[in-house]
Amino acid sequence: MGIQAWTFVLIGLSFALYIGVAIWSRAGSTREFYVAGGGVPPVANGMATAADWMSAASFISMAGAISVLGYDGSVYLMGWTGGYVLLALLLAPYLRKFGKYTIPDFVGDRYESQVARVVAVACAIFVSFTYVAGQMQGVGIVLSRFLEVPSTTGVMIGMGIVFFYAVLGGMKGITYTQVAQYCVLICAYLVPAIFLSIQMVGTPIPQLGLGGFLADGTPLLERLNELHHDLGFASYTDGSRSMTDVFFITAALMVGTAGLPHVIVRFYTVPRVRDARRSVGWALVFIALLYTAAPAVAAFARTNLLTTVNNQSYADMPDWFSKWETTGLVKFDDKNGDGLIQYVGPASKVQNELIVHKDIMVLANPEIAGLPDWVVALVAAGALAAALSTAAGLLLVVSSAISHDLLKRTFMPRISERGELLAARISAGVAVFVAGWFGVHPPGFVAEVVAFAFGLAASSFFPVLLMGIFTKRMNRAGAISGMLAGIVFTAGYILWFKFLHPELSHSENWWWGISPEGIGAVGMLVNFAVAGVVHQFFPPPSAAIQQLVEDIRVPKGSGPAHEIEA
């Protein structure tokens, strides 16, 4: 069978698996729809959390960014990995102990304010739709290439699958579907990585491949630096970003991870607080399998591309090249008319004739390396699993924010459980169609769009959650003003430089030299500062809420809570 036939088989089987799991685990109550009934085992929840968190940005775009940008692309690896540790230490167990369904639930009850709840709902929807745009874009990229359909059609197919198991199963269906999706995506990532590692550096452990040696004894990274230098690119192991920008992007991705609503809600799905901690540990193990392999996958992809494409006859290029050209993600412009492909960097005296989109590097790598057709198709199935798992989690956040936080807890407190469940499914369905529109009209490449979402989460949710857990004196006025100031500042900066005036998006024009991908860290500081000033002019929370904060922080049997300073 060819690549397309294998793709139909593997994607068809994986879709059948997801739909079957969704039917088996469909939600029958609001508790099952929102938090899977609170009965998910820690190992399964850790696997589902890993799938939920490792989106198309992790599977497709992270290694692609590292592949093309070299050292500069490592900010995604450092930020996302460190952010999960931050989430595990500072937020997850405490929020599980609080015992609500959603972040707006925590914000509304902790700060005793319906206004705070509504602001948190608005932030959750804004962050989720920004994030889901990258996932649906990834779905379109994969299906447009491997099923040879237009990207828009690919997005529509993805919408249909997500609609089915998100609307039918809710969090219960999504959780067990994500367990299956994790198994698919990790196999799809590691199998070709093992093939490539054996092929290029002679070891079956891809995590060791970055420091490996090629067949002629040359270190892989040394060869990459030589190729980059010869072709006029910046050295692969050197960065062009300023240290300030690297720091702020990494910080924004870290604190943004710790504030992502679709990840935090996963810790409400386990029976006990200690199970939340165990889920975190298992999720870190499952995440590490992919993240420790990503740098080597990136280096393999870059080496294969440079040695296969540059200065080769366009007429003699293999089939994969023309297939990717039809997607518009590879473009060749023969500027000197010699029929040869000159893929060179800005430092070269020759004009670059080839544009390669970052998001195809992982997907095209098995084809470039000549791996078996079934391996190529497996990568496509894994990329879809990564994108769809995160998209479903994000859409559930939107659904629960509307049906539970806006309707049940704010505007329609007497709504029946059946009515609330119906509202949740309707809002999930509407959210799927909005997500599809974003997938057809994405605002950037996948990792970049996701970085914007992380920045928005960093500037809105992380401070209000951290202060809500560790500061008894923070009140509703401080929380509301901080969230609004942080997200408005961050969103305004991103919109100004990326959409309204993209011609100005250069380091010399950025404030303090910080790119839009890193401005979320500054937005977080704005949030903290505004909240810290404003809360001093208003009364503190009630005694009951202050006691609740102490009860959340202090484990049973550790002594009187009042001995702990706020």
Protein backbone atom coordinates (compact mmCIF):
# COMPACT_ATOMS: atom_id res chain seq x y z
CA MET A 1 0.00 0.00 0.00
CA GLY A 2 1.05 3.60 -0.59
CA ILE A 3 1.21 6.45 1.90
CA GLN A 4 -2.34 7.62 1.21
CA ALA A 5 -3.80 4.12 1.61
CA TRP A 6 -1.90 3.59 4.87
CA THR A 7 -3.09 7.01 6.04
CA PHE A 8 -6.73 6.16 5.36
CA VAL A 9 -6.33 2.89 7.25
CA LEU A 10 -4.53 4.25 10.32
CA ILE A 11 -6.54 7.46 10.63
CA GLY A 12 -9.77 5.54 10.03
CA LEU A 13 -8.90 3.01 12.75
CA SER A 14 -7.89 5.72 15.20
CA PHE A 15 -11.09 7.70 14.55
CA ALA A 16 -13.16 4.55 15.03
CA LEU A 17 -11.36 3.97 18.33
CA TYR A 18 -12.07 7.51 19.55
CA ILE A 19 -15.74 7.33 18.60
CA GLY A 20 -16.12 3.92 20.21
CA VAL A 21 -14.56 5.12 23.44
CA ALA A 22 -16.80 8.22 23.40
CA ILE A 23 -19.94 6.10 23.03
CA TRP A 24 -18.82 3.73 25.80
CA SER A 25 -18.02 6.59 28.22
CA ARG A 26 -20.72 9.12 27.32
CA ALA A 27 -21.75 11.49 30.10
CA GLY A 28 -25.11 11.03 31.79
CA SER A 29 -24.90 13.88 34.33
CA THR A 30 -23.38 17.36 34.61
CA ARG A 31 -20.71 16.02 37.00
CA GLU A 32 -19.66 13.44 34.40
CA PHE A 33 -19.79 16.08 31.65
CA TYR A 34 -17.64 18.60 33.56
CA VAL A 35 -15.21 16.46 35.60
CA ALA A 36 -15.82 12.84 34.50
CA GLY A 37 -17.63 12.11 37.78
CA GLY A 38 -14.39 12.71 39.73
CA GLY A 39 -13.47 9.03 39.50
CA VAL A 40 -10.62 8.82 36.97
CA PRO A 41 -7.61 6.75 38.21
CA PRO A 42 -4.33 8.72 38.54
CA VAL A 43 -2.49 6.78 35.81
CA ALA A 44 -5.31 7.26 33.31
CA ASN A 45 -5.68 10.89 34.30
CA GLY A 46 -1.93 11.43 33.91
CA MET A 47 -2.08 9.95 30.42
CA ALA A 48 -5.14 12.04 29.53
CA THR A 49 -3.45 15.16 30.95
CA ALA A 50 -0.37 14.51 28.83
CA ALA A 51 -2.52 14.16 25.70
CA ASP A 52 -4.53 17.26 26.64
CA TRP A 53 -1.39 19.32 27.18
CA MET A 54 0.77 17.97 24.31
CA SER A 55 -1.12 19.64 21.53
CA ALA A 56 -0.33 20.04 17.86
CA ALA A 57 2.20 22.62 19.03
CA SER A 58 4.14 19.92 20.90
CA PHE A 59 3.79 17.22 18.24
CA ILE A 60 4.09 19.24 15.04
CA SER A 61 5.42 22.67 15.75
CA MET A 62 7.84 22.50 18.67
CA ALA A 63 10.39 20.27 16.96
CA GLY A 64 9.67 22.18 13.74
CA ALA A 65 10.53 25.46 15.44
CA ILE A 66 13.70 23.98 16.97
CA SER A 67 14.57 22.49 13.58
CA VAL A 68 14.35 25.79 11.73
CA LEU A 69 15.35 28.23 14.49
CA GLY A 70 17.94 26.07 16.25
CA TYR A 71 18.82 27.46 19.68
CA ASP A 72 16.08 30.11 19.46
CA GLY A 73 13.43 27.41 19.16
CA SER A 74 14.46 25.89 22.49
CA VAL A 75 12.38 28.48 24.35
CA TYR A 76 9.29 26.39 23.59
CA LEU A 77 10.91 23.27 25.02
CA MET A 78 12.11 25.02 28.19
CA GLY A 79 8.97 27.07 28.76
CA TRP A 80 6.40 24.33 28.30
CA THR A 81 8.36 21.75 30.30
CA GLY A 82 9.13 24.10 33.19
CA GLY A 83 5.57 25.38 33.20
CA TYR A 84 4.13 21.98 33.91
CA VAL A 85 6.40 21.61 36.93
CA LEU A 86 5.25 25.03 38.11
CA LEU A 87 1.62 23.96 37.73
CA ALA A 88 2.26 20.77 39.66
CA LEU A 89 3.94 22.51 42.59
CA LEU A 90 1.91 25.70 42.98
CA LEU A 91 -1.64 25.10 41.77
CA ALA A 92 -2.87 21.59 40.99
CA PRO A 93 -3.25 20.02 44.47
CA TYR A 94 -4.67 23.19 46.01
CA LEU A 95 -7.28 23.71 43.34
CA ARG A 96 -8.29 20.04 43.61
CA LYS A 97 -8.72 20.48 47.35
CA PHE A 98 -11.00 23.45 46.69
CA GLY A 99 -13.20 20.99 44.80
CA LYS A 100 -15.02 23.05 42.15
CA TYR A 101 -15.54 22.31 38.45
CA THR A 102 -13.78 25.20 36.71
CA ILE A 103 -11.37 28.11 37.12
CA PRO A 104 -14.23 30.66 37.03
CA ASP A 105 -15.85 28.60 39.81
CA PHE A 106 -12.74 29.05 41.95
CA VAL A 107 -12.41 32.74 41.10
CA GLY A 108 -16.08 33.50 41.73
CA ASP A 109 -16.25 31.69 45.08
CA ARG A 110 -12.78 32.62 46.35
CA TYR A 111 -13.30 36.32 45.65
CA GLU A 112 -17.02 36.30 46.55
CA SER A 113 -17.93 38.03 43.31
CA GLN A 114 -20.13 37.24 40.34
CA VAL A 115 -18.32 40.00 38.42
CA ALA A 116 -15.00 38.22 39.03
CA ARG A 117 -16.61 34.99 37.82
CA VAL A 118 -17.82 36.62 34.59
CA VAL A 119 -14.41 38.23 33.96
CA ALA A 120 -12.78 34.81 34.46
CA VAL A 121 -15.29 33.28 32.03
CA ALA A 122 -14.41 35.91 29.41
CA CYS A 123 -10.69 35.26 29.91
CA ALA A 124 -11.20 31.47 29.68
CA ILE A 125 -13.11 31.77 26.42
CA PHE A 126 -10.57 34.21 24.96
CA VAL A 127 -7.59 32.03 25.89
CA SER A 128 -9.28 28.81 24.76
CA PHE A 129 -10.27 30.07 21.32
CA THR A 130 -6.78 31.50 20.75
CA TYR A 131 -5.28 28.15 21.68
CA VAL A 132 -7.76 26.06 19.72
CA ALA A 133 -6.96 28.01 16.55
CA GLY A 134 -3.53 26.37 16.51
CA GLN A 135 -5.00 22.91 16.99
CA MET A 136 -7.51 23.15 14.17
CA GLN A 137 -4.81 24.63 11.94
CA GLY A 138 -2.71 21.54 12.68
CA VAL A 139 -5.62 19.27 11.74
CA GLY A 140 -5.97 21.10 8.42
CA ILE A 141 -2.24 20.78 7.67
CA VAL A 142 -2.17 17.03 8.33
CA LEU A 143 -5.31 16.10 6.43
CA SER A 144 -4.58 18.40 3.49
CA ARG A 145 -1.27 16.64 2.91
CA PHE A 146 -1.94 13.02 3.74
CA LEU A 147 -5.55 12.71 2.55
CA GLU A 148 -4.82 15.16 -0.29
CA VAL A 149 -7.86 17.31 0.45
CA PRO A 150 -8.03 21.11 0.78
CA SER A 151 -6.98 22.42 4.18
CA THR A 152 -10.50 23.74 4.79
CA THR A 153 -11.93 20.27 4.18
CA GLY A 154 -9.40 18.84 6.62
CA VAL A 155 -10.52 21.28 9.31
CA MET A 156 -14.16 20.32 8.68
CA ILE A 157 -13.34 16.61 9.13
CA GLY A 158 -11.59 17.39 12.41
CA MET A 159 -14.56 19.47 13.54
CA GLY A 160 -16.90 16.54 12.94
CA ILE A 161 -14.83 14.13 15.04
CA VAL A 162 -14.37 16.58 17.93
CA PHE A 163 -18.05 17.52 17.80
CA PHE A 164 -19.05 13.89 18.20
CA TYR A 165 -17.05 12.90 21.25
CA ALA A 166 -16.89 16.30 22.98
CA VAL A 167 -20.63 16.96 22.74
CA LEU A 168 -21.66 13.37 23.48
CA GLY A 169 -19.15 12.40 26.13
CA GLY A 170 -18.17 15.62 27.86
CA MET A 171 -15.16 15.33 30.19
CA LYS A 172 -15.83 11.64 30.80
CA GLY A 173 -15.77 10.84 27.10
CA ILE A 174 -12.88 13.21 26.43
CA THR A 175 -10.77 11.75 29.27
CA TYR A 176 -10.87 8.16 28.06
CA THR A 177 -10.60 9.24 24.44
CA GLN A 178 -7.47 11.18 25.39
CA VAL A 179 -5.98 8.06 26.95
CA ALA A 180 -6.36 6.36 23.56
CA GLN A 181 -5.04 9.47 21.80
CA TYR A 182 -1.96 9.56 23.99
CA CYS A 183 -1.13 5.97 23.06
CA VAL A 184 -1.49 6.85 19.38
CA LEU A 185 0.49 10.09 19.50
CA ILE A 186 3.41 8.79 21.56
CA CYS A 187 3.81 5.74 19.31
CA ALA A 188 3.55 7.99 16.26
CA TYR A 189 6.28 10.26 17.64
CA LEU A 190 8.72 7.68 18.98
CA VAL A 191 8.54 5.04 16.24
CA PRO A 192 9.87 7.32 13.46
CA ALA A 193 12.25 8.92 15.98
CA ILE A 194 13.75 5.49 16.67
CA PHE A 195 13.99 4.75 12.92
CA LEU A 196 15.73 8.09 12.32
CA SER A 197 18.05 7.72 15.29
CA ILE A 198 19.24 4.32 14.07
CA GLN A 199 19.57 5.60 10.52
CA MET A 200 21.52 8.75 11.37
CA VAL A 201 23.54 8.15 14.54
CA GLY A 202 23.28 4.39 15.04
CA THR A 203 21.41 4.33 18.36
CA PRO A 204 17.82 3.16 18.98
CA ILE A 205 17.39 5.74 21.76
CA PRO A 206 16.39 9.04 20.10
CA GLN A 207 16.87 10.97 23.35
CA LEU A 208 20.61 10.35 22.94
CA GLY A 209 20.63 11.26 19.26
CA LEU A 210 21.35 14.97 19.69
CA GLY A 211 24.80 14.15 21.03
CA GLY A 212 25.37 11.32 18.57
CA PHE A 213 27.84 10.88 15.71
CA LEU A 214 27.10 10.44 12.03
CA ALA A 215 28.45 7.51 10.01
CA ASP A 216 31.65 9.40 9.15
CA GLY A 217 32.34 10.13 12.83
CA THR A 218 31.25 13.79 12.71
CA PRO A 219 29.07 14.92 15.63
CA LEU A 220 25.52 15.62 14.47
CA LEU A 221 25.46 19.18 15.83
CA GLU A 222 28.87 19.96 14.31
CA ARG A 223 27.60 18.87 10.90
CA LEU A 224 24.50 21.00 11.32
CA ASN A 225 26.57 24.06 12.20
CA GLU A 226 28.77 23.44 9.13
CA LEU A 227 25.73 23.17 6.87
CA HIS A 228 24.23 26.35 8.33
CA HIS A 229 27.48 28.24 7.91
CA ASP A 230 27.96 27.08 4.32
CA LEU A 231 24.39 28.03 3.35
CA GLY A 232 24.37 31.43 5.06
CA PHE A 233 22.15 30.58 8.01
CA ALA A 234 22.96 31.52 11.58
CA SER A 235 24.79 28.80 13.50
CA TYR A 236 22.32 26.14 14.63
CA THR A 237 23.61 26.14 18.21
CA ASP A 238 23.73 29.93 18.51
CA GLY A 239 20.71 32.16 18.98
CA SER A 240 19.74 35.43 17.34
CA ARG A 241 17.21 36.44 20.01
CA SER A 242 18.37 38.66 22.83
CA MET A 243 18.74 37.05 26.23
CA THR A 244 15.99 39.36 27.51
CA ASP A 245 13.52 38.09 24.92
CA VAL A 246 14.49 34.46 25.53
CA PHE A 247 13.92 34.96 29.26
CA PHE A 248 10.51 36.59 28.85
CA ILE A 249 9.26 34.07 26.26
CA THR A 250 10.33 31.20 28.51
CA ALA A 251 8.70 32.85 31.53
CA ALA A 252 5.47 33.53 29.61
CA LEU A 253 5.25 29.93 28.45
CA MET A 254 5.97 28.63 31.97
CA VAL A 255 3.40 30.70 33.84
CA GLY A 256 0.99 30.39 30.93
CA THR A 257 1.14 26.61 31.25
CA ALA A 258 0.35 26.94 34.94
CA GLY A 259 -2.71 29.04 34.09
CA LEU A 260 -4.20 27.01 31.26
CA PRO A 261 -7.84 26.26 32.11
CA HIS A 262 -8.11 23.02 30.10
CA VAL A 263 -5.12 21.53 31.95
CA ILE A 264 -6.13 22.70 35.42
CA VAL A 265 -9.62 21.21 35.10
CA ARG A 266 -8.03 17.77 34.67
CA PHE A 267 -7.09 17.73 38.35
CA TYR A 268 -10.77 17.88 39.31
CA THR A 269 -11.40 14.52 37.64
CA VAL A 270 -9.59 12.36 40.25
CA PRO A 271 -11.19 11.14 43.50
CA ARG A 272 -8.77 12.65 46.05
CA VAL A 273 -6.15 15.39 46.48
CA ARG A 274 -3.34 12.85 46.70
CA ASP A 275 -4.57 11.41 43.39
CA ALA A 276 -4.11 14.85 41.85
CA ARG A 277 -0.46 14.79 42.95
CA ARG A 278 -0.03 11.29 41.54
CA SER A 279 -1.65 12.37 38.28
CA VAL A 280 0.94 15.14 38.03
CA GLY A 281 3.77 12.66 38.46
CA TRP A 282 2.40 10.27 35.84
CA ALA A 283 1.74 13.11 33.43
CA LEU A 284 5.35 14.29 33.77
CA VAL A 285 6.57 10.79 32.88
CA PHE A 286 4.30 10.58 29.84
CA ILE A 287 5.20 14.11 28.69
CA ALA A 288 8.93 13.50 29.13
CA LEU A 289 8.86 10.63 26.62
CA LEU A 290 8.07 13.10 23.83
CA TYR A 291 9.85 16.20 25.08
CA THR A 292 13.21 14.52 25.64
CA ALA A 293 13.11 13.17 22.08
CA ALA A 294 12.04 16.43 20.40
CA PRO A 295 15.49 18.12 20.13
CA ALA A 296 16.96 15.08 18.38
CA VAL A 297 13.95 14.82 16.05
CA ALA A 298 14.45 18.49 15.19
CA ALA A 299 18.14 18.01 14.42
CA PHE A 300 17.46 14.91 12.31
CA ALA A 301 14.82 16.80 10.32
CA ARG A 302 17.06 19.81 9.69
CA THR A 303 20.01 17.70 8.60
CA ASN A 304 17.89 15.62 6.23
CA LEU A 305 16.27 18.69 4.70
CA LEU A 306 19.52 20.58 4.07
CA THR A 307 21.31 17.59 2.55
CA THR A 308 18.31 16.52 0.43
CA VAL A 309 17.02 19.82 -0.97
CA ASN A 310 19.79 22.37 -1.43
CA ASN A 311 21.28 22.75 -4.92
CA GLN A 312 19.29 19.80 -6.20
CA SER A 313 17.44 19.75 -9.51
CA TYR A 314 13.80 20.69 -9.03
CA ALA A 315 12.80 18.23 -11.76
CA ASP A 316 14.48 15.38 -9.89
CA MET A 317 12.97 16.08 -6.47
CA PRO A 318 11.17 13.08 -4.92
CA ASP A 319 7.41 12.73 -4.69
CA TRP A 320 7.14 14.15 -1.16
CA PHE A 321 8.31 17.57 -2.37
CA SER A 322 5.53 18.02 -4.92
CA LYS A 323 2.94 16.68 -2.46
CA TRP A 324 3.88 19.31 0.12
CA GLU A 325 3.95 21.98 -2.58
CA THR A 326 0.25 21.40 -3.19
CA THR A 327 -0.47 22.37 0.44
CA GLY A 328 1.24 25.74 0.00
CA LEU A 329 3.61 25.03 2.90
CA VAL A 330 6.57 24.46 0.57
CA LYS A 331 7.14 27.03 -2.18
CA PHE A 332 9.87 27.10 -4.85
CA ASP A 333 10.61 30.21 -6.90
CA ASP A 334 13.36 29.61 -9.47
CA LYS A 335 14.73 33.16 -9.46
CA ASN A 336 17.76 32.52 -11.68
CA GLY A 337 16.08 30.01 -14.00
CA ASP A 338 18.72 27.29 -13.60
CA GLY A 339 16.30 24.61 -12.39
CA LEU A 340 18.26 24.09 -9.18
CA ILE A 341 16.92 24.72 -5.69
CA GLN A 342 18.95 27.24 -3.71
CA TYR A 343 17.84 26.97 -0.08
CA VAL A 344 20.09 29.50 1.63
CA GLY A 345 20.09 31.88 4.55
CA PRO A 346 20.18 35.70 4.60
CA ALA A 347 23.97 35.77 4.95
CA SER A 348 24.44 34.03 1.60
CA LYS A 349 25.10 36.04 -1.56
CA VAL A 350 22.63 33.82 -3.42
CA GLN A 351 18.92 34.63 -3.21
CA ASN A 352 16.85 32.06 -1.34
CA GLU A 353 14.44 30.26 -3.70
CA LEU A 354 12.67 27.97 -1.24
CA ILE A 355 10.19 28.65 1.55
CA VAL A 356 9.68 25.80 4.03
CA HIS A 357 6.97 26.23 6.67
CA LYS A 358 8.09 25.29 10.18
CA ASP A 359 5.01 23.16 10.77
CA ILE A 360 5.88 20.57 8.11
CA MET A 361 9.27 19.56 9.47
CA VAL A 362 8.09 16.74 11.75
CA LEU A 363 5.40 15.60 9.33
CA ALA A 364 7.65 15.55 6.27
CA ASN A 365 10.74 14.19 8.03
CA PRO A 366 9.88 10.47 7.64
CA GLU A 367 9.26 11.00 3.90
CA ILE A 368 12.49 12.95 3.46
CA ALA A 369 14.40 10.18 5.23
CA GLY A 370 12.74 7.47 3.11
CA LEU A 371 11.09 5.63 6.00
CA PRO A 372 8.39 3.00 5.28
CA ASP A 373 5.00 4.27 4.13
CA TRP A 374 3.24 2.98 7.25
CA VAL A 375 5.56 5.04 9.46
CA VAL A 376 4.71 8.17 7.46
CA ALA A 377 0.99 7.44 7.89
CA LEU A 378 1.47 6.74 11.61
CA VAL A 379 2.93 10.23 12.05
CA ALA A 380 -0.17 11.70 10.44
CA ALA A 381 -2.44 9.75 12.82
CA GLY A 382 -0.37 10.88 15.80
CA ALA A 383 -0.47 14.53 14.78
CA LEU A 384 -4.25 14.35 14.52
CA ALA A 385 -4.45 12.69 17.93
CA ALA A 386 -2.39 15.49 19.48
CA ALA A 387 -4.44 18.25 17.86
CA LEU A 388 -7.86 16.71 18.51
CA SER A 389 -7.16 15.80 22.14
CA THR A 390 -6.25 19.37 23.06
CA ALA A 391 -9.02 20.87 20.93
CA ALA A 392 -11.59 18.75 22.77
CA GLY A 393 -10.27 19.82 26.17
CA LEU A 394 -10.35 23.49 25.18
CA LEU A 395 -13.85 23.27 23.78
CA LEU A 396 -15.04 21.68 27.01
CA VAL A 397 -13.62 24.68 28.90
CA VAL A 398 -15.70 26.98 26.71
CA SER A 399 -18.76 24.77 27.14
CA SER A 400 -18.50 24.57 30.93
CA ALA A 401 -17.76 28.30 31.21
CA ILE A 402 -21.00 29.10 29.40
CA SER A 403 -23.33 26.44 30.79
CA HIS A 404 -22.04 26.15 34.34
CA ASP A 405 -20.42 29.49 35.21
CA LEU A 406 -22.63 31.85 33.21
CA LEU A 407 -25.97 30.05 33.28
CA LYS A 408 -26.03 27.86 36.40
CA ARG A 409 -23.92 30.01 38.69
CA THR A 410 -24.82 33.50 37.41
CA PHE A 411 -27.90 34.09 35.26
CA MET A 412 -30.06 30.96 35.64
CA PRO A 413 -29.39 29.45 39.10
CA ARG A 414 -32.64 27.44 39.00
CA ILE A 415 -31.88 25.65 35.76
CA SER A 416 -32.35 21.88 36.04
CA GLU A 417 -29.46 19.45 35.69
CA ARG A 418 -30.96 18.19 32.44
CA GLY A 419 -31.25 21.75 31.13
CA GLU A 420 -27.68 22.54 32.16
CA LEU A 421 -26.40 19.39 30.42
CA LEU A 422 -28.31 20.36 27.26
CA ALA A 423 -26.87 23.89 27.44
CA ALA A 424 -23.37 22.43 27.86
CA ARG A 425 -23.77 20.29 24.74
CA ILE A 426 -25.21 23.14 22.67
CA SER A 427 -22.42 25.51 23.70
CA ALA A 428 -19.83 22.82 22.94
CA GLY A 429 -21.33 22.41 19.47
CA VAL A 430 -21.25 26.15 18.80
CA ALA A 431 -17.67 26.30 20.09
CA VAL A 432 -16.65 23.58 17.62
CA PHE A 433 -17.84 25.68 14.68
CA VAL A 434 -16.10 28.81 15.97
CA ALA A 435 -12.91 26.76 16.43
CA GLY A 436 -13.21 25.55 12.84
CA TRP A 437 -13.35 29.13 11.60
CA PHE A 438 -10.16 29.92 13.50
CA GLY A 439 -8.56 26.82 12.00
CA VAL A 440 -9.34 28.03 8.48
CA HIS A 441 -8.12 31.57 9.28
CA PRO A 442 -5.18 31.05 11.67
CA PRO A 443 -3.21 34.06 12.94
CA GLY A 444 0.23 32.42 12.61
CA PHE A 445 2.11 29.11 12.64
CA VAL A 446 0.94 26.61 15.23
CA ALA A 447 3.54 27.13 17.97
CA GLU A 448 3.32 30.90 17.59
CA VAL A 449 -0.47 30.93 17.97
CA VAL A 450 -0.22 28.65 21.01
CA ALA A 451 2.46 30.93 22.48
CA PHE A 452 -0.03 33.81 22.25
CA ALA A 453 -2.59 31.73 24.17
CA PHE A 454 -0.03 30.93 26.85
CA GLY A 455 0.79 34.62 27.17
CA LEU A 456 -2.89 35.45 27.63
CA ALA A 457 -3.23 32.73 30.28
CA ALA A 458 -0.10 33.97 32.03
CA SER A 459 -1.38 37.54 32.20
CA SER A 460 -4.90 36.68 33.34
CA PHE A 461 -5.23 33.42 35.28
CA PHE A 462 -1.89 32.61 36.87
CA PRO A 463 -1.73 35.67 39.18
CA VAL A 464 -5.36 35.49 40.29
CA LEU A 465 -5.04 31.77 41.06
CA LEU A 466 -1.71 32.13 42.88
CA MET A 467 -2.93 35.05 44.97
CA GLY A 468 -6.21 33.27 45.63
CA ILE A 469 -4.36 30.30 47.13
CA PHE A 470 -1.47 31.96 48.96
CA THR A 471 -2.75 35.43 49.92
CA LYS A 472 -5.65 35.72 52.34
CA ARG A 473 -5.93 39.49 51.92
CA MET A 474 -6.46 39.59 48.15
CA ASN A 475 -10.04 40.72 47.50
CA ARG A 476 -12.46 40.91 44.61
CA ALA A 477 -11.47 44.44 43.53
CA GLY A 478 -7.80 43.48 43.26
CA ALA A 479 -8.53 40.24 41.42
CA ILE A 480 -10.89 41.80 38.87
CA SER A 481 -8.68 44.82 38.15
CA GLY A 482 -5.58 42.62 37.89
CA MET A 483 -7.16 40.17 35.43
CA LEU A 484 -8.50 42.96 33.23
CA ALA A 485 -5.25 44.94 33.26
CA GLY A 486 -3.11 41.89 32.51
CA ILE A 487 -5.12 40.45 29.63
CA VAL A 488 -5.91 43.83 28.03
CA PHE A 489 -2.25 44.84 28.11
CA THR A 490 -1.08 41.49 26.66
CA ALA A 491 -3.80 41.21 24.02
CA GLY A 492 -3.28 44.83 22.97
CA TYR A 493 0.47 44.33 22.53
CA ILE A 494 -0.03 41.15 20.48
CA LEU A 495 -2.71 42.75 18.29
CA TRP A 496 -0.63 45.88 17.70
CA PHE A 497 2.54 44.13 16.56
CA LYS A 498 1.18 40.97 14.93
CA PHE A 499 -2.04 42.10 13.26
CA LEU A 500 -2.46 45.88 13.15
CA HIS A 501 1.17 46.79 12.40
CA PRO A 502 3.09 43.62 11.49
CA GLU A 503 5.64 45.73 9.63
CA LEU A 504 6.78 47.05 13.02
CA SER A 505 7.25 43.60 14.54
CA HIS A 506 11.02 43.75 14.91
CA SER A 507 13.20 43.77 17.99
CA GLU A 508 14.08 47.43 17.57
CA ASN A 509 10.40 48.39 17.82
CA TRP A 510 9.34 46.01 20.61
CA TRP A 511 9.02 47.47 24.09
CA TRP A 512 12.14 46.61 26.09
CA GLY A 513 13.08 44.24 23.24
CA ILE A 514 10.36 41.76 24.21
CA SER A 515 8.52 39.98 21.39
CA PRO A 516 4.73 39.41 21.34
CA GLU A 517 5.39 35.76 22.24
CA GLY A 518 7.02 36.86 25.51
CA ILE A 519 4.87 39.84 26.48
CA GLY A 520 2.59 37.62 28.60
CA ALA A 521 5.27 37.59 31.31
CA VAL A 522 5.10 41.39 31.47
CA GLY A 523 1.29 41.16 31.46
CA MET A 524 1.57 38.87 34.47
CA LEU A 525 3.64 41.49 36.32
CA VAL A 526 1.07 44.13 35.36
CA ASN A 527 -1.65 41.88 36.81
CA PHE A 528 0.23 41.42 40.09
CA ALA A 529 1.05 45.13 40.35
CA VAL A 530 -2.48 46.39 39.66
CA ALA A 531 -4.05 43.82 41.98
CA GLY A 532 -1.52 44.62 44.69
CA VAL A 533 -2.29 48.33 44.58
CA VAL A 534 -6.07 48.21 44.10
CA HIS A 535 -6.85 45.64 46.80
CA GLN A 536 -5.44 47.95 49.49
CA PHE A 537 -8.29 50.45 48.97
CA PHE A 538 -11.07 47.91 49.58
CA PRO A 539 -12.12 45.69 52.52
CA PRO A 540 -10.46 42.27 52.87
CA PRO A 541 -12.40 39.08 52.11
CA SER A 542 -14.77 37.67 54.70
CA ALA A 543 -13.44 35.63 57.62
CA ALA A 544 -14.96 32.49 56.07
CA ILE A 545 -13.00 32.98 52.84
CA GLN A 546 -9.76 33.68 54.72
CA GLN A 547 -10.28 30.46 56.66
CA LEU A 548 -11.00 28.63 53.40
CA VAL A 549 -7.68 29.85 51.97
CA GLU A 550 -5.85 28.48 55.01
CA ASP A 551 -7.71 25.18 54.79
CA ILE A 552 -6.74 24.82 51.11
CA ARG A 553 -3.05 25.43 51.80
CA VAL A 554 -2.53 23.46 54.99
CA PRO A 555 -2.67 19.64 54.93
CA LYS A 556 -4.64 17.86 57.62
CA GLY A 557 -2.58 17.03 60.71
CA SER A 558 0.05 19.71 60.04
CA GLY A 559 -0.96 21.92 62.96
CA PRO A 560 -3.18 24.96 63.36
CA ALA A 561 -3.70 26.78 60.09
CA HIS A 562 -3.57 30.19 61.75
CA GLU A 563 0.13 29.66 62.45
CA ILE A 564 0.87 29.97 58.74
CA GLU A 565 1.47 33.48 57.47
CA ALA A 566 -0.65 34.66 54.53
